[in-house]
Amino acid sequence: MTSQEIQTLLEKQRAFYRSGATIPVSFRIAQLKRLYAAVKQHEKEINAALKADLGKSAYEGFMCESGLVLSEISYMIRHTRHFARRKTVYTPLAQFASHSFKQPVPYGNTLIMSPWNYPFLLTIDPLADAIAAGNTAIVKPSAYSPATSAIVAKIIAECFPQEYVAVVTGGRAENAALLDQPFDMVFFTGSQAVGKEVLRRCAEHLTPAVLELGGKSPCIVDASADIRLAAKRIVWGKFLNCGQTCVAPDYILCEESVKDAFVAEVVRQVKKQFGEQPLSNPDYGKIINEKHFQRLCHLIDPAKVVLGGETDVRACRIAPTVMDGVTREDAVMGEEIFGPIMPILTFDSFDAVIDELKSLDTPLALYLFSHDKEHIRRVQEELSYGGGCINDVVIHLATSSMGFGGVGASGMGSYHGKAGFEAFSHTKSIVDKKTWMDLPMRYQPFKSKVYEALLHIFLR
């Protein structure tokens, strides 16, 4: 679309929102049901698109994308009526007689910009939350996942008129044109670098934004951990979607005394889960494009590889790769990996690990494998990160009952379930003051000693 076409589209959505059509909760629920039915109907096409873009198997596509979307939509169908209700709150005695309440209302016209790594999930999940909250939406999927963008556009066109929900495809020119427009709220998922630019552009219009970014998410394995189970779960989470997961364990911090046992078990688990020749495994995916493939290849130090490292240039595939003896100075530690490379670092002092992590950028996720209650307490209470798991990885985002989001360098705001409804809503504070009485103490002249005494009783 051209800039003028995008502006015209937004003007149509503004008119639709101002008509009040999206406000009734019954309307919102009906639209969520339409979306749910369409996702179910097009499940095979969604899986095929994910296979084309990222090499995902149908099983992984449903487990990590369309299935989670269905779960989020059904959750919002069940809970939107409750989320949209006004909530009565305590009224101070000084405001007698009145009724105080909080009323959630939609922001209005929203923009959702989604990434390529989970192109269906990270597009439709926030859209479901936006619809539940009563907004219109323009959806901008990534140009790097064209097959999934096409099925997203097809589903949305089947479900909704353009003046309500519309898809804008394209690349940087379309992104820039969209950010030129004064939306009422912007929801962005992607890299830190692009997130900074989105926030700068939103600031020009004083537009609130939710940013779901990333970072280097550490995974700590201490000497008390169940090493076999830790390796099994870490291998699954690290190499899911070929490591192209924003909450994947980016690197491992393993206690020196159990490092050899952990590495051996990781090697065993990679072979068990992906086979002796992972590049021959049809269920093992690919890197999104040649640019990212080449970037990842340059992060692999052959001298430190203990497993993997094989590549298929034509198919943009990299075997699950494990690197041992890694330090903070290695290239692989200089940026978010976002690929199937597992660097393993070691530590002797848990105190030193905590101190070091406090000095680094706040990650989107942090994981700890341990049975040491003091270690668990310190990770939960002392460190800042978006979210995480104890003795598992990744799964904390797969629930509508908890908000998912980053903090600091890894983002701002959260969504999923109630948090998603609130992310796309403004909550108004309202006092409904009764007219059958009017306390006189707030009015001048301020000379009554009785009123002054009452004021000190009320305001304490």
Protein backbone atom coordinates (compact mmCIF):
# COMPACT_ATOMS: atom_id res chain seq x y z
CA MET A 1 0.00 0.00 0.00
CA THR A 2 1.02 3.60 -0.56
CA SER A 3 1.09 6.14 2.26
CA GLN A 4 -2.14 7.65 0.95
CA GLU A 5 -3.88 4.26 0.85
CA ILE A 6 -2.77 3.55 4.42
CA GLN A 7 -4.05 6.94 5.56
CA THR A 8 -7.40 6.32 3.84
CA LEU A 9 -7.65 2.88 5.46
CA LEU A 10 -7.02 4.34 8.91
CA GLU A 11 -9.60 7.07 8.32
CA LYS A 12 -12.18 4.37 7.50
CA GLN A 13 -11.28 2.54 10.71
CA ARG A 14 -11.57 5.78 12.67
CA ALA A 15 -15.07 6.30 11.32
CA PHE A 16 -16.02 2.71 12.12
CA TYR A 17 -14.76 3.01 15.69
CA ARG A 18 -16.51 6.33 16.22
CA SER A 19 -19.75 4.71 15.13
CA GLY A 20 -19.65 2.70 18.36
CA ALA A 21 -19.90 -0.63 16.54
CA THR A 22 -17.01 -2.25 18.44
CA ILE A 23 -18.16 -1.23 21.92
CA PRO A 24 -20.88 -3.83 22.71
CA VAL A 25 -19.31 -6.88 24.33
CA SER A 26 -21.66 -9.14 22.38
CA PHE A 27 -20.14 -7.80 19.15
CA ARG A 28 -16.59 -8.47 20.35
CA ILE A 29 -17.38 -12.03 21.38
CA ALA A 30 -19.08 -12.71 18.05
CA GLN A 31 -15.97 -11.53 16.19
CA LEU A 32 -13.72 -13.73 18.35
CA LYS A 33 -15.92 -16.71 17.52
CA ARG A 34 -15.60 -15.93 13.80
CA LEU A 35 -11.84 -15.77 14.13
CA TYR A 36 -11.70 -19.04 16.08
CA ALA A 37 -13.77 -20.83 13.44
CA ALA A 38 -11.58 -19.50 10.63
CA VAL A 39 -8.37 -20.65 12.32
CA LYS A 40 -9.87 -24.12 12.77
CA GLN A 41 -11.04 -24.18 9.16
CA HIS A 42 -7.65 -23.17 7.74
CA GLU A 43 -5.45 -25.25 10.05
CA LYS A 44 -3.88 -27.26 7.23
CA GLU A 45 -3.15 -24.13 5.21
CA ILE A 46 -1.57 -22.50 8.26
CA ASN A 47 0.65 -25.54 8.81
CA ALA A 48 1.65 -25.55 5.13
CA ALA A 49 2.57 -21.86 5.30
CA LEU A 50 4.70 -22.38 8.41
CA LYS A 51 6.41 -25.29 6.67
CA ALA A 52 7.19 -23.10 3.66
CA ASP A 53 8.51 -20.17 5.71
CA LEU A 54 10.32 -21.93 8.56
CA GLY A 55 10.31 -25.64 7.81
CA LYS A 56 8.04 -26.36 10.77
CA SER A 57 6.31 -29.72 10.91
CA ALA A 58 2.52 -29.80 11.22
CA TYR A 59 2.93 -31.06 14.79
CA GLU A 60 5.20 -28.17 15.79
CA GLY A 61 3.07 -25.69 13.87
CA PHE A 62 -0.01 -26.63 15.83
CA MET A 63 1.78 -27.03 19.19
CA CYS A 64 3.58 -23.68 19.00
CA GLU A 65 1.37 -21.53 16.80
CA SER A 66 -2.19 -22.31 15.71
CA GLY A 67 -2.99 -24.39 18.81
CA LEU A 68 -1.84 -21.62 21.13
CA VAL A 69 -3.85 -19.13 19.07
CA LEU A 70 -7.00 -21.23 19.50
CA SER A 71 -6.33 -21.43 23.23
CA GLU A 72 -5.96 -17.63 23.53
CA ILE A 73 -9.08 -16.91 21.47
CA SER A 74 -11.22 -19.38 23.43
CA TYR A 75 -9.93 -17.90 26.69
CA MET A 76 -10.93 -14.42 25.56
CA ILE A 77 -14.36 -15.65 24.42
CA ARG A 78 -14.96 -17.01 27.93
CA HIS A 79 -13.62 -14.01 29.85
CA THR A 80 -14.19 -10.84 27.80
CA ARG A 81 -17.57 -10.10 29.36
CA HIS A 82 -16.01 -10.17 32.82
CA PHE A 83 -12.94 -8.17 31.78
CA ALA A 84 -15.10 -5.44 30.22
CA ARG A 85 -17.25 -4.84 33.31
CA ARG A 86 -16.79 -1.80 35.48
CA LYS A 87 -15.07 -2.59 38.78
CA THR A 88 -16.36 -0.89 41.93
CA VAL A 89 -13.62 0.41 44.24
CA TYR A 90 -13.54 1.88 47.74
CA THR A 91 -14.85 5.41 48.09
CA PRO A 92 -13.17 7.62 50.75
CA LEU A 93 -15.44 8.97 53.46
CA ALA A 94 -14.59 12.51 52.35
CA GLN A 95 -16.37 11.81 49.04
CA PHE A 96 -19.61 10.64 50.64
CA ALA A 97 -22.08 10.09 49.02
CA SER A 98 -20.75 8.68 45.77
CA HIS A 99 -19.92 5.53 43.85
CA SER A 100 -16.32 5.05 42.61
CA PHE A 101 -15.47 2.63 39.84
CA LYS A 102 -12.96 1.78 37.13
CA GLN A 103 -14.24 1.40 33.56
CA PRO A 104 -12.06 -0.20 30.86
CA VAL A 105 -12.54 1.30 27.41
CA PRO A 106 -10.79 0.56 24.10
CA TYR A 107 -7.87 2.68 22.98
CA GLY A 108 -9.54 2.88 19.57
CA ASN A 109 -7.54 2.38 16.39
CA THR A 110 -4.55 0.09 16.92
CA LEU A 111 -1.55 -1.10 14.91
CA ILE A 112 -0.11 -4.60 15.40
CA MET A 113 3.35 -5.23 13.92
CA SER A 114 4.42 -8.87 14.11
CA PRO A 115 7.70 -10.77 13.50
CA TRP A 116 8.71 -13.68 11.29
CA ASN A 117 9.80 -16.31 13.84
CA TYR A 118 6.29 -17.24 15.04
CA PRO A 119 4.44 -15.39 12.31
CA PHE A 120 0.97 -16.78 12.95
CA LEU A 121 0.98 -16.90 16.76
CA LEU A 122 2.51 -13.45 17.24
CA THR A 123 0.05 -11.88 14.80
CA ILE A 124 -3.25 -13.45 15.80
CA ASP A 125 -2.66 -13.60 19.58
CA PRO A 126 -2.44 -9.82 20.03
CA LEU A 127 -5.21 -9.36 17.47
CA ALA A 128 -7.53 -11.49 19.61
CA ASP A 129 -6.71 -9.31 22.62
CA ALA A 130 -7.31 -6.12 20.60
CA ILE A 131 -10.70 -7.40 19.41
CA ALA A 132 -11.71 -8.47 22.92
CA ALA A 133 -10.89 -5.00 24.22
CA GLY A 134 -13.09 -3.39 21.53
CA ASN A 135 -10.54 -1.87 19.15
CA THR A 136 -10.11 -1.78 15.40
CA ALA A 137 -6.78 -3.04 14.11
CA ILE A 138 -4.40 -2.76 11.21
CA VAL A 139 -2.13 -5.80 11.16
CA LYS A 140 1.35 -5.62 9.62
CA PRO A 141 2.98 -9.09 9.38
CA SER A 142 6.64 -9.59 8.54
CA ALA A 143 7.84 -9.55 4.94
CA TYR A 144 10.27 -12.37 5.83
CA SER A 145 7.45 -14.92 6.23
CA PRO A 146 5.37 -14.34 3.08
CA ALA A 147 3.48 -17.64 3.05
CA THR A 148 2.18 -17.12 6.59
CA SER A 149 1.44 -13.46 5.88
CA ALA A 150 -0.72 -14.59 2.97
CA ILE A 151 -2.81 -17.00 5.05
CA VAL A 152 -3.14 -14.38 7.80
CA ALA A 153 -4.44 -11.91 5.21
CA LYS A 154 -6.84 -14.52 3.83
CA ILE A 155 -8.28 -15.39 7.24
CA ILE A 156 -8.70 -11.76 8.29
CA ALA A 157 -10.35 -10.82 4.98
CA GLU A 158 -12.80 -13.69 5.39
CA CYS A 159 -13.67 -12.70 8.96
CA PHE A 160 -13.75 -8.91 9.02
CA PRO A 161 -14.44 -5.87 6.84
CA GLN A 162 -11.39 -3.66 6.23
CA GLU A 163 -12.83 -0.80 8.19
CA TYR A 164 -12.68 -3.07 11.27
CA VAL A 165 -9.58 -5.27 10.85
CA ALA A 166 -7.22 -5.07 7.88
CA VAL A 167 -3.83 -6.43 6.82
CA VAL A 168 -1.08 -4.33 5.27
CA THR A 169 1.72 -6.38 3.73
CA GLY A 170 5.08 -5.19 2.48
CA GLY A 171 8.42 -4.15 3.91
CA ARG A 172 10.19 -1.13 5.33
CA ALA A 173 8.32 1.43 3.22
CA GLU A 174 4.97 0.18 4.53
CA ASN A 175 6.31 0.06 8.10
CA ALA A 176 7.43 3.67 7.84
CA ALA A 177 4.14 4.77 6.30
CA LEU A 178 2.17 3.08 9.07
CA LEU A 179 4.26 4.67 11.80
CA ASP A 180 3.63 8.07 10.19
CA GLN A 181 -0.02 7.71 11.16
CA PRO A 182 -1.42 8.76 14.56
CA PHE A 183 -2.70 5.44 15.88
CA ASP A 184 -4.22 5.28 19.35
CA MET A 185 -1.97 2.37 20.35
CA VAL A 186 0.87 0.39 18.75
CA PHE A 187 1.77 -3.21 19.57
CA PHE A 188 5.18 -4.30 18.27
CA THR A 189 7.02 -7.61 18.48
CA GLY A 190 10.55 -7.79 17.11
CA SER A 191 14.17 -6.85 17.65
CA GLN A 192 15.49 -4.28 20.09
CA ALA A 193 16.91 -2.16 17.26
CA VAL A 194 13.58 -1.88 15.43
CA GLY A 195 11.73 -1.54 18.73
CA LYS A 196 13.72 1.59 19.53
CA GLU A 197 12.73 3.10 16.18
CA VAL A 198 9.06 2.19 16.73
CA LEU A 199 9.13 3.86 20.14
CA ARG A 200 10.74 6.98 18.69
CA ARG A 201 8.04 7.20 16.03
CA CYS A 202 5.27 6.62 18.57
CA ALA A 203 6.67 9.44 20.71
CA GLU A 204 6.04 11.89 17.86
CA HIS A 205 2.29 11.26 18.26
CA LEU A 206 2.35 10.55 22.02
CA THR A 207 1.05 7.09 21.12
CA PRO A 208 1.23 4.41 23.84
CA ALA A 209 3.12 1.31 22.79
CA VAL A 210 3.68 -2.25 23.92
CA LEU A 211 7.09 -3.55 22.86
CA GLU A 212 7.83 -7.27 22.93
CA LEU A 213 11.57 -7.48 22.27
CA GLY A 214 14.27 -10.01 23.14
CA GLY A 215 17.80 -10.26 24.45
CA LYS A 216 20.23 -12.88 25.65
CA SER A 217 18.17 -15.05 27.99
CA PRO A 218 20.44 -17.00 30.39
CA CYS A 219 19.82 -20.54 31.60
CA ILE A 220 21.53 -21.47 34.87
CA VAL A 221 22.26 -25.10 35.78
CA ASP A 222 23.66 -25.56 39.27
CA ALA A 223 25.11 -28.64 40.94
CA SER A 224 21.81 -29.56 42.60
CA ALA A 225 19.93 -29.85 39.30
CA ASP A 226 18.58 -33.06 37.81
CA ILE A 227 21.14 -33.08 35.00
CA ARG A 228 19.40 -35.59 32.73
CA LEU A 229 16.04 -33.81 32.91
CA ALA A 230 17.67 -30.39 32.63
CA ALA A 231 19.49 -31.38 29.45
CA LYS A 232 16.35 -32.90 27.96
CA ARG A 233 14.24 -29.81 28.56
CA ILE A 234 16.95 -27.33 27.58
CA VAL A 235 17.63 -29.13 24.29
CA TRP A 236 13.93 -29.04 23.48
CA GLY A 237 13.57 -25.32 24.24
CA LYS A 238 16.87 -24.23 22.72
CA PHE A 239 16.40 -25.94 19.36
CA LEU A 240 12.64 -25.43 19.05
CA ASN A 241 12.03 -23.60 15.77
CA CYS A 242 15.80 -23.92 15.17
CA GLY A 243 16.46 -21.59 18.08
CA GLN A 244 14.46 -18.79 16.46
CA THR A 245 12.43 -18.21 19.61
CA CYS A 246 12.53 -14.95 21.55
CA VAL A 247 12.47 -16.78 24.90
CA ALA A 248 14.83 -19.60 23.94
CA PRO A 249 17.65 -20.15 26.43
CA ASP A 250 20.32 -18.09 24.67
CA TYR A 251 23.29 -19.49 26.60
CA ILE A 252 23.94 -21.90 29.47
CA LEU A 253 25.66 -21.00 32.75
CA CYS A 254 26.61 -24.39 34.16
CA GLU A 255 28.30 -25.03 37.50
CA GLU A 256 31.82 -26.30 36.83
CA SER A 257 31.45 -29.44 38.96
CA VAL A 258 28.60 -30.81 36.79
CA LYS A 259 29.57 -29.30 33.44
CA ASP A 260 31.08 -32.46 31.89
CA ALA A 261 28.05 -34.53 32.87
CA PHE A 262 25.72 -31.85 31.52
CA VAL A 263 27.53 -31.56 28.18
CA ALA A 264 27.51 -35.34 27.75
CA GLU A 265 23.78 -35.45 28.46
CA VAL A 266 23.08 -32.55 26.08
CA VAL A 267 24.90 -34.41 23.30
CA ARG A 268 22.88 -37.53 24.05
CA GLN A 269 19.60 -35.61 24.06
CA VAL A 270 20.29 -33.82 20.77
CA LYS A 271 20.88 -37.18 19.10
CA LYS A 272 17.83 -38.69 20.76
CA GLN A 273 15.48 -35.82 19.86
CA PHE A 274 16.79 -34.95 16.38
CA GLY A 275 18.65 -38.08 15.26
CA GLU A 276 22.26 -38.75 14.35
CA GLN A 277 21.81 -36.65 11.19
CA PRO A 278 19.51 -33.74 12.14
CA LEU A 279 19.76 -32.18 8.67
CA SER A 280 18.07 -35.31 7.32
CA ASN A 281 15.22 -34.99 9.82
CA PRO A 282 12.12 -33.67 7.98
CA ASP A 283 10.69 -32.33 11.25
CA TYR A 284 13.73 -30.13 11.91
CA GLY A 285 13.20 -26.67 10.49
CA LYS A 286 15.33 -24.07 8.76
CA ILE A 287 16.70 -20.57 9.23
CA ILE A 288 14.33 -17.92 7.92
CA ASN A 289 16.62 -16.58 5.16
CA GLU A 290 20.17 -16.46 3.84
CA LYS A 291 21.02 -13.25 5.71
CA HIS A 292 20.31 -14.79 9.09
CA PHE A 293 21.87 -18.09 8.03
CA GLN A 294 25.18 -16.37 7.23
CA ARG A 295 25.05 -14.35 10.45
CA LEU A 296 24.66 -17.53 12.50
CA CYS A 297 27.44 -19.34 10.66
CA HIS A 298 29.85 -16.55 11.64
CA LEU A 299 28.97 -17.05 15.32
CA ILE A 300 30.15 -20.68 15.33
CA ASP A 301 33.73 -21.23 16.50
CA PRO A 302 34.73 -24.67 15.11
CA ALA A 303 37.41 -25.04 17.80
CA LYS A 304 34.75 -24.99 20.52
CA VAL A 305 32.10 -27.15 18.82
CA VAL A 306 31.48 -30.44 20.62
CA LEU A 307 28.44 -31.39 18.55
CA GLY A 308 26.89 -30.22 15.30
CA GLY A 309 28.09 -27.32 13.20
CA GLU A 310 27.00 -28.96 9.92
CA THR A 311 25.16 -26.69 7.49
CA ASP A 312 23.09 -26.90 4.32
CA VAL A 313 23.60 -23.64 2.47
CA ARG A 314 20.94 -24.23 -0.17
CA ALA A 315 18.23 -24.99 2.40
CA CYS A 316 19.46 -22.49 5.04
CA ARG A 317 19.73 -25.23 7.64
CA ILE A 318 22.15 -25.50 10.55
CA ALA A 319 22.36 -28.62 12.68
CA PRO A 320 21.88 -28.25 16.45
CA THR A 321 25.28 -27.00 17.56
CA VAL A 322 26.79 -27.20 21.05
CA MET A 323 29.85 -25.11 21.97
CA ASP A 324 31.86 -25.74 25.15
CA GLY A 325 34.53 -23.60 26.80
CA VAL A 326 32.80 -20.40 25.72
CA THR A 327 33.62 -17.06 27.38
CA ARG A 328 31.96 -13.65 27.33
CA GLU A 329 34.54 -12.54 24.75
CA ASP A 330 33.40 -15.02 22.09
CA ALA A 331 31.43 -13.69 19.10
CA VAL A 332 28.48 -15.89 20.01
CA MET A 333 28.10 -13.95 23.27
CA GLY A 334 28.12 -10.53 21.61
CA GLU A 335 24.51 -10.58 20.38
CA GLU A 336 21.24 -12.44 20.74
CA ILE A 337 21.85 -15.73 18.93
CA PHE A 338 18.34 -16.49 17.63
CA GLY A 339 19.50 -19.75 16.11
CA PRO A 340 20.42 -23.38 16.87
CA ILE A 341 23.70 -22.65 18.68
CA MET A 342 24.09 -23.52 22.37
CA PRO A 343 27.10 -21.89 24.07
CA ILE A 344 28.02 -23.36 27.46
CA LEU A 345 29.82 -21.20 30.02
CA THR A 346 30.81 -22.30 33.50
CA PHE A 347 30.84 -20.82 37.00
CA ASP A 348 32.14 -21.75 40.44
CA SER A 349 30.31 -19.18 42.55
CA PHE A 350 26.56 -18.69 42.43
CA ASP A 351 27.02 -15.31 44.12
CA ALA A 352 29.23 -14.24 41.22
CA VAL A 353 26.56 -15.35 38.72
CA ILE A 354 23.91 -13.26 40.45
CA ASP A 355 26.20 -10.23 40.58
CA GLU A 356 27.11 -10.57 36.90
CA LEU A 357 23.51 -10.93 35.74
CA LYS A 358 22.53 -7.83 37.72
CA SER A 359 25.03 -5.84 35.67
CA LEU A 360 23.73 -6.98 32.26
CA ASP A 361 20.71 -5.87 30.23
CA THR A 362 17.46 -7.30 31.53
CA PRO A 363 16.58 -10.36 29.42
CA LEU A 364 13.16 -11.38 28.19
CA ALA A 365 13.49 -14.71 30.00
CA LEU A 366 15.65 -16.39 32.62
CA TYR A 367 15.77 -20.06 33.54
CA LEU A 368 17.17 -21.89 36.55
CA PHE A 369 17.61 -25.63 36.95
CA SER A 370 18.12 -26.27 40.64
CA HIS A 371 16.79 -27.88 43.80
CA ASP A 372 18.60 -25.39 46.00
CA LYS A 373 15.84 -23.33 47.64
CA GLU A 374 18.15 -20.39 48.35
CA HIS A 375 19.31 -20.26 44.73
CA ILE A 376 15.70 -20.37 43.56
CA ARG A 377 14.70 -17.60 45.96
CA ARG A 378 17.53 -15.34 44.83
CA VAL A 379 16.73 -15.79 41.14
CA GLN A 380 13.06 -15.07 41.75
CA GLU A 381 13.55 -12.05 44.01
CA GLU A 382 16.86 -10.40 43.15
CA LEU A 383 17.10 -10.53 39.35
CA SER A 384 15.09 -8.51 36.83
CA TYR A 385 13.77 -10.28 33.71
CA GLY A 386 10.53 -10.54 31.77
CA GLY A 387 9.54 -14.00 32.97
CA GLY A 388 10.90 -17.50 33.20
CA CYS A 389 10.80 -20.98 34.63
CA ILE A 390 12.28 -23.02 37.44
CA ASN A 391 13.42 -26.42 36.13
CA ASP A 392 11.99 -25.87 32.66
CA VAL A 393 12.21 -23.46 29.73
CA VAL A 394 9.88 -21.52 27.41
CA ILE A 395 6.57 -22.84 28.75
CA HIS A 396 5.75 -19.78 30.87
CA LEU A 397 4.46 -17.99 27.76
CA ALA A 398 2.04 -20.78 26.84
CA THR A 399 -0.75 -19.73 29.18
CA SER A 400 -3.48 -17.12 29.01
CA SER A 401 -3.59 -16.92 32.81
CA MET A 402 -0.32 -14.98 33.09
CA GLY A 403 0.89 -11.90 31.28
CA PHE A 404 3.88 -12.26 28.98
CA GLY A 405 6.28 -9.40 28.33
CA GLY A 406 9.69 -7.90 28.83
CA VAL A 407 11.25 -5.30 31.08
CA GLY A 408 13.92 -2.71 30.40
CA ALA A 409 15.94 -3.69 27.34
CA SER A 410 13.64 -6.65 26.63
CA GLY A 411 10.48 -4.60 26.21
CA MET A 412 7.60 -2.87 27.96
CA GLY A 413 4.05 -3.96 28.65
CA SER A 414 2.62 -7.47 28.53
CA TYR A 415 -0.22 -9.43 26.99
CA HIS A 416 -2.04 -12.80 26.97
CA GLY A 417 -5.43 -13.18 28.63
CA LYS A 418 -6.39 -10.44 31.07
CA ALA A 419 -3.02 -8.72 30.59
CA GLY A 420 -3.72 -8.59 26.85
CA PHE A 421 -7.17 -7.10 27.38
CA GLU A 422 -5.64 -4.47 29.66
CA ALA A 423 -2.82 -3.76 27.20
CA PHE A 424 -5.36 -2.74 24.56
CA SER A 425 -7.58 -0.82 27.00
CA HIS A 426 -7.50 2.42 28.92
CA THR A 427 -9.01 2.12 32.39
CA LYS A 428 -10.93 5.25 33.35
CA SER A 429 -11.37 6.19 37.02
CA ILE A 430 -14.88 7.58 37.56
CA VAL A 431 -16.71 8.97 40.59
CA ASP A 432 -20.51 9.08 40.36
CA LYS A 433 -21.39 11.73 42.94
CA LYS A 434 -24.90 11.72 44.33
CA THR A 435 -26.97 14.89 44.42
CA TRP A 436 -29.17 14.25 47.44
CA MET A 437 -26.50 15.66 49.78
CA ASP A 438 -23.40 17.86 49.54
CA LEU A 439 -20.75 17.99 52.26
CA PRO A 440 -20.00 21.68 52.86
CA MET A 441 -16.48 21.39 54.28
CA ARG A 442 -14.64 21.72 50.93
CA TYR A 443 -16.09 25.13 50.14
CA GLN A 444 -14.74 28.52 51.21
CA PRO A 445 -14.65 30.29 53.52
CA PHE A 446 -12.40 27.87 55.45
CA LYS A 447 -13.23 29.17 58.94
CA SER A 448 -15.24 26.43 60.62
CA LYS A 449 -13.32 24.64 63.36
CA VAL A 450 -15.82 21.77 63.14
CA TYR A 451 -15.17 21.28 59.43
CA GLU A 452 -11.43 21.45 60.02
CA ALA A 453 -11.69 18.75 62.67
CA LEU A 454 -13.79 16.56 60.37
CA LEU A 455 -11.31 17.11 57.54
CA HIS A 456 -8.49 15.78 59.73
CA ILE A 457 -10.62 12.74 60.56
CA PHE A 458 -11.43 12.03 56.90
CA LEU A 459 -7.91 12.56 55.55
CA ARG A 460 -5.70 10.37 57.70
